[in-house]
N, C-alpha and C. Protein backbone atom coordinates (compact mmCIF):
# COMPACT_ATOMS: atom_id res chain seq x y z
N MET A 1 -18.92 19.60 5.83
CA MET A 1 -18.49 18.57 6.78
C MET A 1 -19.47 17.03 6.63
N SER A 2 -18.56 15.93 6.03
CA SER A 2 -19.24 14.76 5.86
C SER A 2 -18.87 14.31 7.86
N THR A 3 -20.55 13.69 8.12
CA THR A 3 -19.44 13.47 9.76
C THR A 3 -20.48 11.72 9.77
N MET A 4 -20.05 10.90 10.86
CA MET A 4 -20.93 9.84 10.88
C MET A 4 -21.63 9.73 12.01
N ASN A 5 -22.69 9.21 12.60
CA ASN A 5 -22.95 8.95 13.87
C ASN A 5 -21.98 7.33 13.94
N THR A 6 -21.82 7.00 15.54
CA THR A 6 -21.76 5.86 16.05
C THR A 6 -22.33 5.15 16.85
N TYR A 7 -22.59 4.23 16.88
CA TYR A 7 -23.24 3.42 17.94
C TYR A 7 -23.37 3.90 19.88
N THR A 8 -22.31 4.70 20.01
CA THR A 8 -22.28 5.22 21.38
C THR A 8 -22.69 7.17 21.60
N GLY A 9 -23.20 7.24 19.91
CA GLY A 9 -23.67 8.71 19.95
C GLY A 9 -22.61 9.62 19.26
N LYS A 10 -21.25 8.79 18.78
CA LYS A 10 -20.28 10.38 18.36
C LYS A 10 -20.46 10.58 17.26
N GLN A 11 -20.25 11.62 17.05
CA GLN A 11 -20.26 12.21 15.67
C GLN A 11 -19.01 12.99 15.26
N PHE A 12 -18.72 12.44 14.16
CA PHE A 12 -17.25 13.22 13.75
C PHE A 12 -16.84 12.89 12.11
N ASP A 13 -15.87 13.38 11.86
CA ASP A 13 -15.49 13.07 10.11
C ASP A 13 -14.43 12.12 10.12
N PRO A 14 -14.64 10.73 9.61
CA PRO A 14 -13.79 9.52 9.60
C PRO A 14 -12.73 9.84 8.77
N MET A 15 -12.71 11.12 7.66
CA MET A 15 -11.51 11.41 7.25
C MET A 15 -10.55 12.62 7.67
N LEU A 16 -11.21 12.67 9.28
CA LEU A 16 -10.45 13.29 10.18
C LEU A 16 -10.20 12.81 11.43
N MET A 17 -10.51 12.15 11.57
CA MET A 17 -10.84 10.90 13.27
C MET A 17 -9.46 11.12 13.92
N THR A 18 -9.84 11.13 14.88
CA THR A 18 -8.89 11.90 15.95
C THR A 18 -9.16 10.49 17.54
N GLU A 19 -8.10 10.12 17.97
CA GLU A 19 -7.91 9.27 19.30
C GLU A 19 -9.50 9.09 19.64
N GLU A 20 -9.81 10.86 20.38
CA GLU A 20 -11.20 10.85 21.45
C GLU A 20 -12.40 10.28 20.49
N ASP A 21 -12.24 10.22 19.21
CA ASP A 21 -13.26 9.34 18.07
C ASP A 21 -13.41 8.33 18.10
N VAL A 22 -12.17 7.45 18.81
CA VAL A 22 -11.99 6.06 18.91
C VAL A 22 -13.05 5.54 20.01
N SER A 23 -13.65 4.72 19.81
CA SER A 23 -14.69 3.85 21.36
C SER A 23 -14.72 2.42 21.01
N LEU A 24 -13.91 1.56 21.95
CA LEU A 24 -13.83 0.19 21.95
C LEU A 24 -15.45 0.09 21.77
N ARG A 25 -16.35 0.51 22.42
CA ARG A 25 -17.71 -0.28 22.08
C ARG A 25 -18.19 0.11 20.98
N ASP A 26 -17.94 1.01 20.55
CA ASP A 26 -18.39 1.28 19.14
C ASP A 26 -17.80 0.16 17.78
N ILE A 27 -16.43 0.09 18.59
CA ILE A 27 -15.79 -1.44 17.42
C ILE A 27 -16.31 -2.32 17.75
N ALA A 28 -16.37 -3.05 18.70
CA ALA A 28 -17.07 -4.09 19.14
C ALA A 28 -18.82 -4.61 18.49
N HIS A 29 -19.25 -3.32 19.19
CA HIS A 29 -20.67 -3.09 18.39
C HIS A 29 -20.88 -3.13 16.63
N ALA A 30 -20.23 -2.80 16.15
CA ALA A 30 -20.12 -2.75 14.67
C ALA A 30 -19.50 -3.73 14.32
N LEU A 31 -18.06 -4.28 14.57
CA LEU A 31 -17.81 -5.60 13.77
C LEU A 31 -18.62 -6.69 14.26
N SER A 32 -19.80 -6.82 15.13
CA SER A 32 -20.63 -7.76 15.63
C SER A 32 -21.19 -8.06 14.14
N LEU A 33 -21.92 -6.97 14.05
CA LEU A 33 -23.04 -6.87 12.88
C LEU A 33 -22.54 -6.90 11.57
N LEU A 34 -21.35 -6.77 11.20
CA LEU A 34 -20.49 -6.99 9.95
C LEU A 34 -20.41 -8.36 9.52
N CYS A 35 -20.90 -8.85 8.18
CA CYS A 35 -20.98 -9.82 7.88
C CYS A 35 -19.66 -10.24 7.37
N ARG A 36 -18.72 -11.37 7.07
CA ARG A 36 -17.69 -11.44 6.31
C ARG A 36 -18.12 -11.98 5.01
N GLY A 37 -16.98 -11.73 4.15
CA GLY A 37 -17.16 -11.70 2.86
C GLY A 37 -17.99 -11.49 2.04
N GLY A 38 -18.54 -10.25 2.34
CA GLY A 38 -19.61 -9.05 1.56
C GLY A 38 -20.81 -9.84 1.78
N GLY A 39 -21.19 -10.89 3.00
CA GLY A 39 -22.27 -11.59 2.89
C GLY A 39 -22.57 -13.04 2.24
N GLN A 40 -21.95 -12.88 0.82
CA GLN A 40 -21.74 -14.47 0.41
C GLN A 40 -21.41 -15.67 1.13
N VAL A 41 -21.66 -15.55 2.08
CA VAL A 41 -21.12 -16.58 2.92
C VAL A 41 -22.76 -17.75 3.69
N THR A 42 -22.52 -18.77 4.13
CA THR A 42 -23.59 -19.72 4.27
C THR A 42 -24.36 -19.53 5.22
N TYR A 43 -23.92 -18.71 6.28
CA TYR A 43 -24.48 -18.41 7.25
C TYR A 43 -24.12 -16.42 7.92
N PHE A 44 -24.46 -16.60 8.72
CA PHE A 44 -23.80 -14.99 9.22
C PHE A 44 -22.47 -15.28 9.86
N TYR A 45 -21.77 -14.91 9.70
CA TYR A 45 -20.44 -15.01 10.29
C TYR A 45 -19.75 -13.88 10.78
N SER A 46 -19.37 -12.87 11.58
CA SER A 46 -19.03 -11.33 11.27
C SER A 46 -18.02 -11.04 11.37
N VAL A 47 -17.27 -10.11 11.26
CA VAL A 47 -15.96 -9.70 11.52
C VAL A 47 -15.64 -9.81 12.55
N GLY A 48 -16.31 -9.13 13.57
CA GLY A 48 -16.00 -9.71 15.16
C GLY A 48 -15.47 -11.38 15.57
N GLN A 49 -16.36 -11.49 15.00
CA GLN A 49 -16.04 -13.04 15.71
C GLN A 49 -14.56 -13.57 14.91
N HIS A 50 -14.39 -13.50 13.80
CA HIS A 50 -13.24 -13.79 12.77
C HIS A 50 -12.19 -12.91 13.65
N SER A 51 -12.15 -11.61 13.98
CA SER A 51 -11.18 -11.08 15.13
C SER A 51 -10.85 -11.92 15.92
N VAL A 52 -11.94 -12.10 17.08
CA VAL A 52 -12.02 -13.43 18.42
C VAL A 52 -10.98 -14.43 18.11
N ASN A 53 -11.16 -15.05 16.69
CA ASN A 53 -10.66 -16.20 16.23
C ASN A 53 -9.17 -15.81 16.40
N CYS A 54 -9.03 -14.91 15.64
CA CYS A 54 -7.33 -14.20 14.89
C CYS A 54 -6.30 -14.15 16.91
N ALA A 55 -7.66 -13.43 17.33
CA ALA A 55 -6.97 -13.23 18.65
C ALA A 55 -6.48 -14.63 19.77
N ARG A 56 -7.25 -15.41 19.75
CA ARG A 56 -7.29 -16.85 20.08
C ARG A 56 -6.10 -17.63 19.49
N GLU A 57 -5.79 -17.21 18.22
CA GLU A 57 -4.93 -18.14 17.41
C GLU A 57 -3.55 -17.57 17.97
N ALA A 58 -3.77 -16.32 18.49
CA ALA A 58 -2.36 -15.65 18.46
C ALA A 58 -1.75 -15.84 20.13
N ARG A 59 -2.71 -16.01 20.62
CA ARG A 59 -2.70 -16.69 22.37
C ARG A 59 -2.24 -17.90 22.75
N ALA A 60 -2.66 -18.81 21.38
CA ALA A 60 -2.65 -20.64 21.09
C ALA A 60 -0.94 -20.41 21.10
N ARG A 61 -0.60 -19.57 19.72
CA ARG A 61 0.78 -19.65 19.70
C ARG A 61 1.85 -19.04 20.79
N GLY A 62 1.20 -18.75 21.67
CA GLY A 62 2.36 -18.11 23.14
C GLY A 62 2.27 -16.86 22.49
N TRP A 63 1.85 -15.97 21.81
CA TRP A 63 2.12 -14.53 20.90
C TRP A 63 1.97 -13.72 22.50
N SER A 64 2.66 -12.76 22.69
CA SER A 64 2.32 -11.84 23.50
C SER A 64 1.34 -11.08 23.35
N ASP A 65 0.69 -10.76 24.86
CA ASP A 65 -0.43 -9.81 24.49
C ASP A 65 -0.68 -8.20 23.82
N ARG A 66 0.36 -7.55 23.35
CA ARG A 66 0.21 -7.20 22.80
C ARG A 66 0.05 -7.28 21.33
N LEU A 67 0.40 -8.67 20.97
CA LEU A 67 0.30 -9.15 19.30
C LEU A 67 -0.96 -9.77 19.40
N VAL A 68 -1.48 -10.41 20.75
CA VAL A 68 -2.95 -11.10 20.50
C VAL A 68 -3.82 -9.37 20.51
N LEU A 69 -3.74 -8.33 21.06
CA LEU A 69 -4.60 -7.20 20.91
C LEU A 69 -4.49 -6.87 19.70
N ALA A 70 -3.45 -6.90 18.73
CA ALA A 70 -3.11 -6.40 17.18
C ALA A 70 -4.13 -7.42 16.55
N CYS A 71 -3.61 -8.71 16.49
CA CYS A 71 -4.82 -9.27 16.55
C CYS A 71 -6.42 -9.38 16.41
N LEU A 72 -6.72 -9.23 17.65
CA LEU A 72 -7.94 -8.72 17.87
C LEU A 72 -8.66 -7.69 16.93
N LEU A 73 -7.43 -6.24 17.03
CA LEU A 73 -8.30 -5.05 16.25
C LEU A 73 -7.56 -5.07 15.30
N HIS A 74 -7.25 -6.12 14.41
CA HIS A 74 -6.78 -6.05 12.84
C HIS A 74 -7.64 -5.16 12.20
N ASP A 75 -9.28 -5.82 11.91
CA ASP A 75 -9.94 -5.18 11.37
C ASP A 75 -11.01 -3.88 12.12
N ALA A 76 -10.45 -3.25 12.76
CA ALA A 76 -11.20 -2.36 13.90
C ALA A 76 -11.52 -1.27 12.52
N SER A 77 -10.78 -0.64 11.60
CA SER A 77 -11.01 0.13 10.78
C SER A 77 -12.58 -0.06 9.87
N GLU A 78 -13.13 -1.40 9.90
CA GLU A 78 -14.14 -1.81 9.42
C GLU A 78 -15.39 -1.55 10.25
N ALA A 79 -14.80 -1.03 11.43
CA ALA A 79 -15.99 -0.23 12.47
C ALA A 79 -16.41 0.74 12.19
N TYR A 80 -15.69 1.62 11.03
CA TYR A 80 -16.09 2.89 11.25
C TYR A 80 -16.02 2.99 8.89
N LEU A 81 -15.23 1.91 8.47
CA LEU A 81 -15.36 1.82 6.95
C LEU A 81 -16.44 0.85 6.70
N SER A 82 -16.56 -0.02 6.96
CA SER A 82 -17.40 -1.44 6.53
C SER A 82 -16.49 -2.21 6.05
N ASP A 83 -16.87 -3.55 5.79
CA ASP A 83 -15.70 -4.33 5.38
C ASP A 83 -16.27 -4.53 4.19
N ILE A 84 -14.75 -4.46 3.27
CA ILE A 84 -14.91 -4.34 1.50
C ILE A 84 -13.94 -5.81 1.32
N ILE A 85 -14.75 -6.87 0.41
CA ILE A 85 -13.52 -7.67 0.08
C ILE A 85 -12.52 -7.56 -0.32
N ARG A 86 -12.06 -8.37 -0.78
CA ARG A 86 -10.40 -8.02 -0.72
C ARG A 86 -10.39 -8.19 -2.51
N PRO A 87 -11.09 -8.92 -3.31
CA PRO A 87 -10.89 -8.62 -4.38
C PRO A 87 -11.56 -7.43 -5.29
N VAL A 88 -12.14 -6.54 -4.14
CA VAL A 88 -12.78 -5.30 -4.64
C VAL A 88 -11.82 -4.36 -4.22
N LYS A 89 -11.47 -4.44 -2.90
CA LYS A 89 -10.54 -3.63 -2.03
C LYS A 89 -9.20 -2.87 -2.55
N GLU A 90 -8.52 -3.87 -3.52
CA GLU A 90 -7.02 -3.49 -4.48
C GLU A 90 -7.27 -2.97 -5.59
N HIS A 91 -8.91 -2.23 -6.01
CA HIS A 91 -9.11 -1.51 -7.19
C HIS A 91 -9.68 -0.40 -6.61
N LEU A 92 -9.80 0.01 -5.48
CA LEU A 92 -10.49 1.24 -5.02
C LEU A 92 -9.36 2.45 -4.63
N GLN A 93 -9.44 3.09 -5.54
CA GLN A 93 -7.98 4.42 -5.26
C GLN A 93 -8.11 4.69 -4.18
N GLY A 94 -7.35 5.05 -3.57
CA GLY A 94 -7.01 5.84 -1.95
C GLY A 94 -7.75 5.42 -0.83
N TYR A 95 -8.47 3.89 -0.93
CA TYR A 95 -9.11 3.19 -0.07
C TYR A 95 -8.36 2.68 0.97
N ARG A 96 -7.41 2.25 0.64
CA ARG A 96 -6.00 1.56 1.28
C ARG A 96 -5.27 2.54 2.36
N GLU A 97 -5.17 3.79 1.77
CA GLU A 97 -4.68 4.80 2.36
C GLU A 97 -5.80 5.29 3.46
N ILE A 98 -6.99 5.66 3.27
CA ILE A 98 -7.91 5.79 3.92
C ILE A 98 -8.00 4.82 5.08
N GLU A 99 -8.33 3.45 4.88
CA GLU A 99 -8.41 2.17 5.79
C GLU A 99 -7.03 2.68 6.82
N SER A 100 -5.93 2.63 6.05
CA SER A 100 -4.70 2.84 6.88
C SER A 100 -4.44 4.05 8.03
N GLN A 101 -5.22 4.92 7.92
CA GLN A 101 -5.23 6.20 8.29
C GLN A 101 -5.74 6.11 9.52
N ILE A 102 -6.84 4.98 9.64
CA ILE A 102 -8.25 4.98 10.30
C ILE A 102 -7.39 4.09 11.51
N MET A 103 -6.62 2.96 10.84
CA MET A 103 -6.15 1.90 11.49
C MET A 103 -4.93 2.58 12.76
N GLN A 104 -4.48 3.58 11.83
CA GLN A 104 -2.97 4.51 12.76
C GLN A 104 -3.57 4.65 13.73
N VAL A 105 -5.05 5.39 13.78
CA VAL A 105 -5.37 6.25 14.73
C VAL A 105 -5.71 5.22 16.05
N ILE A 106 -6.69 4.07 15.70
CA ILE A 106 -7.11 3.00 16.03
C ILE A 106 -5.72 2.62 17.07
N PHE A 107 -4.58 2.19 16.08
CA PHE A 107 -3.85 1.39 17.32
C PHE A 107 -3.23 2.20 18.04
N GLU A 108 -3.15 3.65 17.89
CA GLU A 108 -2.51 4.79 18.43
C GLU A 108 -3.31 5.10 19.96
N LYS A 109 -4.48 4.91 19.83
CA LYS A 109 -5.35 4.84 21.04
C LYS A 109 -5.28 3.56 21.68
N PHE A 110 -5.19 2.77 21.23
CA PHE A 110 -4.75 1.38 21.88
C PHE A 110 -3.45 0.67 22.48
N GLY A 111 -2.59 1.79 22.32
CA GLY A 111 -1.55 1.52 22.57
C GLY A 111 -0.39 0.38 21.82
N LEU A 112 -0.88 0.98 20.42
CA LEU A 112 -0.01 0.14 19.60
C LEU A 112 0.35 0.97 18.45
N GLY A 113 0.30 1.29 18.12
CA GLY A 113 1.01 2.58 17.36
C GLY A 113 2.30 2.73 16.97
N ASP A 114 3.03 1.84 17.63
CA ASP A 114 4.51 1.52 17.31
C ASP A 114 5.07 0.22 17.25
N LEU A 115 4.10 -0.60 16.72
CA LEU A 115 3.76 -1.69 15.77
C LEU A 115 5.41 -1.76 14.99
N THR A 116 5.90 -2.47 15.14
CA THR A 116 7.11 -3.31 14.42
C THR A 116 7.01 -3.65 13.12
N ALA A 117 7.77 -3.78 11.95
CA ALA A 117 7.34 -4.61 10.76
C ALA A 117 6.98 -5.88 11.21
N GLU A 118 7.68 -6.37 11.83
CA GLU A 118 7.83 -8.05 12.13
C GLU A 118 6.50 -7.97 12.74
N GLU A 119 5.98 -7.15 13.86
CA GLU A 119 4.43 -7.59 14.53
C GLU A 119 3.61 -7.23 13.33
N ASN A 120 3.53 -6.51 12.95
CA ASN A 120 2.36 -6.35 11.31
C ASN A 120 2.74 -7.69 10.44
N ARG A 121 3.51 -8.14 10.49
CA ARG A 121 3.73 -9.28 9.60
C ARG A 121 2.63 -10.50 10.08
N CYS A 122 2.94 -10.50 11.63
CA CYS A 122 2.47 -11.65 12.42
C CYS A 122 0.94 -11.72 12.17
N TRP A 123 0.91 -10.35 12.76
CA TRP A 123 -0.71 -10.54 12.59
C TRP A 123 -1.88 -10.52 11.20
N LYS A 124 -0.84 -10.38 10.31
CA LYS A 124 -1.17 -10.04 8.77
C LYS A 124 -1.19 -12.24 8.46
N GLN A 125 -0.40 -12.65 9.14
CA GLN A 125 -0.13 -13.83 9.24
C GLN A 125 -1.33 -14.40 9.46
N ILE A 126 -1.63 -13.95 10.78
CA ILE A 126 -2.79 -15.15 11.16
C ILE A 126 -4.03 -14.36 10.18
N ASP A 127 -4.36 -13.27 9.98
CA ASP A 127 -5.31 -12.91 9.38
C ASP A 127 -5.48 -13.75 8.25
N ASN A 128 -4.62 -14.56 7.09
CA ASN A 128 -4.47 -14.85 6.49
C ASN A 128 -4.72 -16.11 6.94
N GLU A 129 -4.24 -17.11 8.08
CA GLU A 129 -4.55 -18.45 8.29
C GLU A 129 -5.93 -18.77 8.91
N ILE A 130 -5.95 -17.98 9.86
CA ILE A 130 -7.54 -17.93 9.80
C ILE A 130 -8.39 -17.97 8.60
N LEU A 131 -8.28 -17.34 7.63
CA LEU A 131 -9.10 -17.24 6.43
C LEU A 131 -9.30 -17.95 5.87
N SER A 132 -8.22 -18.69 5.88
CA SER A 132 -7.73 -19.99 5.43
C SER A 132 -8.68 -21.14 5.63
N ASN A 133 -8.99 -21.10 6.83
CA ASN A 133 -9.66 -21.96 7.77
C ASN A 133 -11.59 -21.66 7.58
N GLU A 134 -11.57 -20.28 7.63
CA GLU A 134 -13.06 -20.05 7.62
C GLU A 134 -13.78 -20.59 6.37
N MET A 135 -12.88 -20.10 5.27
CA MET A 135 -13.60 -20.24 4.08
C MET A 135 -14.33 -21.84 3.47
N PRO A 136 -13.44 -22.67 3.97
CA PRO A 136 -14.34 -23.92 3.57
C PRO A 136 -15.65 -24.50 4.28
N ALA A 137 -15.94 -23.71 5.21
CA ALA A 137 -17.18 -23.55 6.55
C ALA A 137 -18.17 -22.87 5.80
N MET A 138 -17.64 -21.97 5.17
CA MET A 138 -18.51 -20.65 5.17
C MET A 138 -18.85 -20.34 3.40
N LEU A 139 -18.34 -20.94 2.72
CA LEU A 139 -18.25 -20.80 1.29
C LEU A 139 -18.76 -21.92 0.45
N ASN A 140 -19.30 -22.09 -0.52
CA ASN A 140 -19.70 -22.90 -1.14
C ASN A 140 -18.62 -22.65 -3.00
N GLY A 141 -18.62 -24.00 -3.55
CA GLY A 141 -18.15 -23.98 -4.90
C GLY A 141 -16.13 -24.01 -3.88
N ARG A 142 -15.65 -23.65 -5.19
CA ARG A 142 -14.04 -24.19 -5.32
C ARG A 142 -13.35 -23.10 -4.17
N MET A 143 -12.58 -23.58 -2.96
CA MET A 143 -11.84 -22.18 -2.06
C MET A 143 -10.36 -22.08 -3.00
N PRO A 144 -10.78 -20.54 -2.93
CA PRO A 144 -9.40 -20.21 -3.53
C PRO A 144 -8.41 -19.92 -3.05
N ILE A 145 -8.20 -20.81 -1.87
CA ILE A 145 -6.75 -20.71 -0.91
C ILE A 145 -6.90 -21.90 -0.29
N GLU A 146 -5.73 -22.35 -0.16
CA GLU A 146 -5.50 -23.55 0.31
C GLU A 146 -5.72 -23.27 2.02
N LYS A 147 -6.27 -24.76 2.79
CA LYS A 147 -6.21 -24.60 4.11
C LYS A 147 -4.88 -24.96 4.73
N VAL A 148 -4.35 -23.65 5.98
CA VAL A 148 -3.44 -24.04 6.52
C VAL A 148 -3.94 -24.11 7.89
N LYS A 149 -2.81 -25.33 8.19
CA LYS A 149 -2.80 -26.15 9.78
C LYS A 149 -2.48 -24.73 10.74
N ILE A 150 -3.42 -24.49 11.62
CA ILE A 150 -3.35 -23.53 13.08
C ILE A 150 -3.35 -23.91 14.15
N TYR A 151 -3.13 -23.63 15.07
CA TYR A 151 -2.83 -23.91 16.44
C TYR A 151 -4.14 -24.42 17.78
N SER A 152 -4.96 -23.22 16.83
CA SER A 152 -6.41 -23.08 17.77
C SER A 152 -7.42 -23.51 16.85
N GLU A 153 -8.53 -23.96 17.28
CA GLU A 153 -9.79 -24.37 16.76
C GLU A 153 -10.54 -23.19 16.49
N PRO A 154 -10.93 -22.68 15.48
CA PRO A 154 -11.85 -21.57 15.34
C PRO A 154 -13.23 -21.73 15.68
N ASP A 155 -13.95 -20.70 16.30
CA ASP A 155 -14.82 -21.58 16.38
C ASP A 155 -15.78 -20.88 15.57
N LEU A 156 -16.31 -21.67 14.46
CA LEU A 156 -16.71 -21.07 13.06
C LEU A 156 -18.58 -21.16 13.37
N ALA A 157 -19.38 -21.31 14.56
CA ALA A 157 -20.57 -21.45 14.42
C ALA A 157 -21.21 -20.14 14.58
N GLU A 158 -22.36 -20.13 14.14
CA GLU A 158 -23.37 -19.06 14.22
C GLU A 158 -23.52 -18.24 15.28
N HIS A 159 -23.23 -17.32 15.83
CA HIS A 159 -23.68 -16.82 17.04
C HIS A 159 -24.74 -15.68 17.09
N PRO A 160 -25.35 -15.31 18.24
CA PRO A 160 -26.20 -13.88 17.66
C PRO A 160 -25.00 -12.89 18.10
N PHE A 161 -25.31 -11.82 17.52
CA PHE A 161 -24.13 -10.59 17.44
C PHE A 161 -23.88 -9.80 18.77
N ARG A 162 -24.69 -9.89 19.71
CA ARG A 162 -24.74 -9.73 21.16
C ARG A 162 -23.84 -10.63 21.73
N LYS A 163 -23.62 -11.57 21.45
CA LYS A 163 -22.54 -12.45 21.99
C LYS A 163 -21.32 -12.00 21.43
N VAL A 164 -20.92 -11.88 20.22
CA VAL A 164 -19.68 -11.66 19.77
C VAL A 164 -19.22 -10.51 20.13
N GLU A 165 -20.09 -9.04 20.28
CA GLU A 165 -19.97 -8.28 20.52
C GLU A 165 -19.12 -7.94 22.20
N GLU A 166 -20.05 -8.76 23.17
CA GLU A 166 -19.45 -8.62 24.26
C GLU A 166 -18.38 -9.65 24.34
N GLU A 167 -18.21 -10.73 23.73
CA GLU A 167 -17.11 -11.30 23.97
C GLU A 167 -15.74 -10.51 23.26
N PHE A 168 -15.84 -9.68 22.00
CA PHE A 168 -14.98 -8.96 21.44
C PHE A 168 -14.31 -8.04 22.74
N TYR A 169 -15.56 -7.27 23.13
CA TYR A 169 -15.39 -6.44 24.17
C TYR A 169 -14.61 -6.84 25.30
N SER A 170 -15.16 -7.59 26.43
CA SER A 170 -14.55 -8.34 27.09
C SER A 170 -12.99 -8.55 26.95
N MET A 171 -12.70 -9.57 25.90
CA MET A 171 -10.99 -9.88 25.41
C MET A 171 -10.49 -8.43 25.20
N ALA A 172 -11.07 -7.54 24.49
CA ALA A 172 -10.10 -6.27 24.04
C ALA A 172 -9.88 -5.42 25.59
N GLU A 173 -10.97 -5.43 26.60
CA GLU A 173 -10.57 -5.06 28.05
C GLU A 173 -9.79 -5.76 29.13
N GLU A 174 -9.93 -6.91 29.01
CA GLU A 174 -8.55 -7.86 29.64
C GLU A 174 -7.27 -7.71 28.97
N LEU A 175 -7.41 -7.58 27.73
CA LEU A 175 -6.03 -7.53 27.18
C LEU A 175 -5.38 -5.89 27.39
N LEU A 176 -6.39 -4.97 27.22
CA LEU A 176 -6.14 -3.06 28.16
C LEU A 176 -5.72 -3.55 29.21
N SER A 177 -6.33 -4.33 30.07
CA SER A 177 -5.76 -4.07 31.72
C SER A 177 -4.80 -4.71 31.87
N LEU A 178 -4.32 -5.66 31.11
CA LEU A 178 -2.71 -6.45 31.17
C LEU A 178 -1.73 -5.61 30.96
N ARG A 179 -2.03 -4.60 29.93
CA ARG A 179 -0.91 -3.46 29.41
C ARG A 179 -0.61 -2.24 30.52
N GLU A 180 -1.60 -1.93 31.60
CA GLU A 180 -1.64 -1.23 32.55
C GLU A 180 -0.33 -0.92 33.42
């Protein structure tokens, strides 16, 4: 059996992941340490910070707490798989299925397992729109996508991972408490 070890000490096979294996602390910690763009950016900018910016954008649009949480957690599978850049991800046979399987377990754990097609479209839209605003600040050279107008001002400053970890975790805790 192939097992992984997590920040909080959990051990499990990510291919057989269950809701009990999922930890909000593990997700917040790992995403705060994962650099966007495969590290090919001008300064350290984490997947965790991107996720917080996505959640803030959903909130700025007046979307439901459920959608704000979905935006915050949309890259949570990367806490268990790592971040793979989009141009490579599409060529990895079976990767999207594994990512989808892990995301489904994570979404189930946090009460989002029944997201509608429209809700999924919404968080994917924000993910792309925040990306279009991040790229000019972090990449050298030609921008592969056009910047889109958004409702919030993303925090693109460089932050210590612990600050991002706590911000992600606190935001998730707040959103989850509102659902109870």
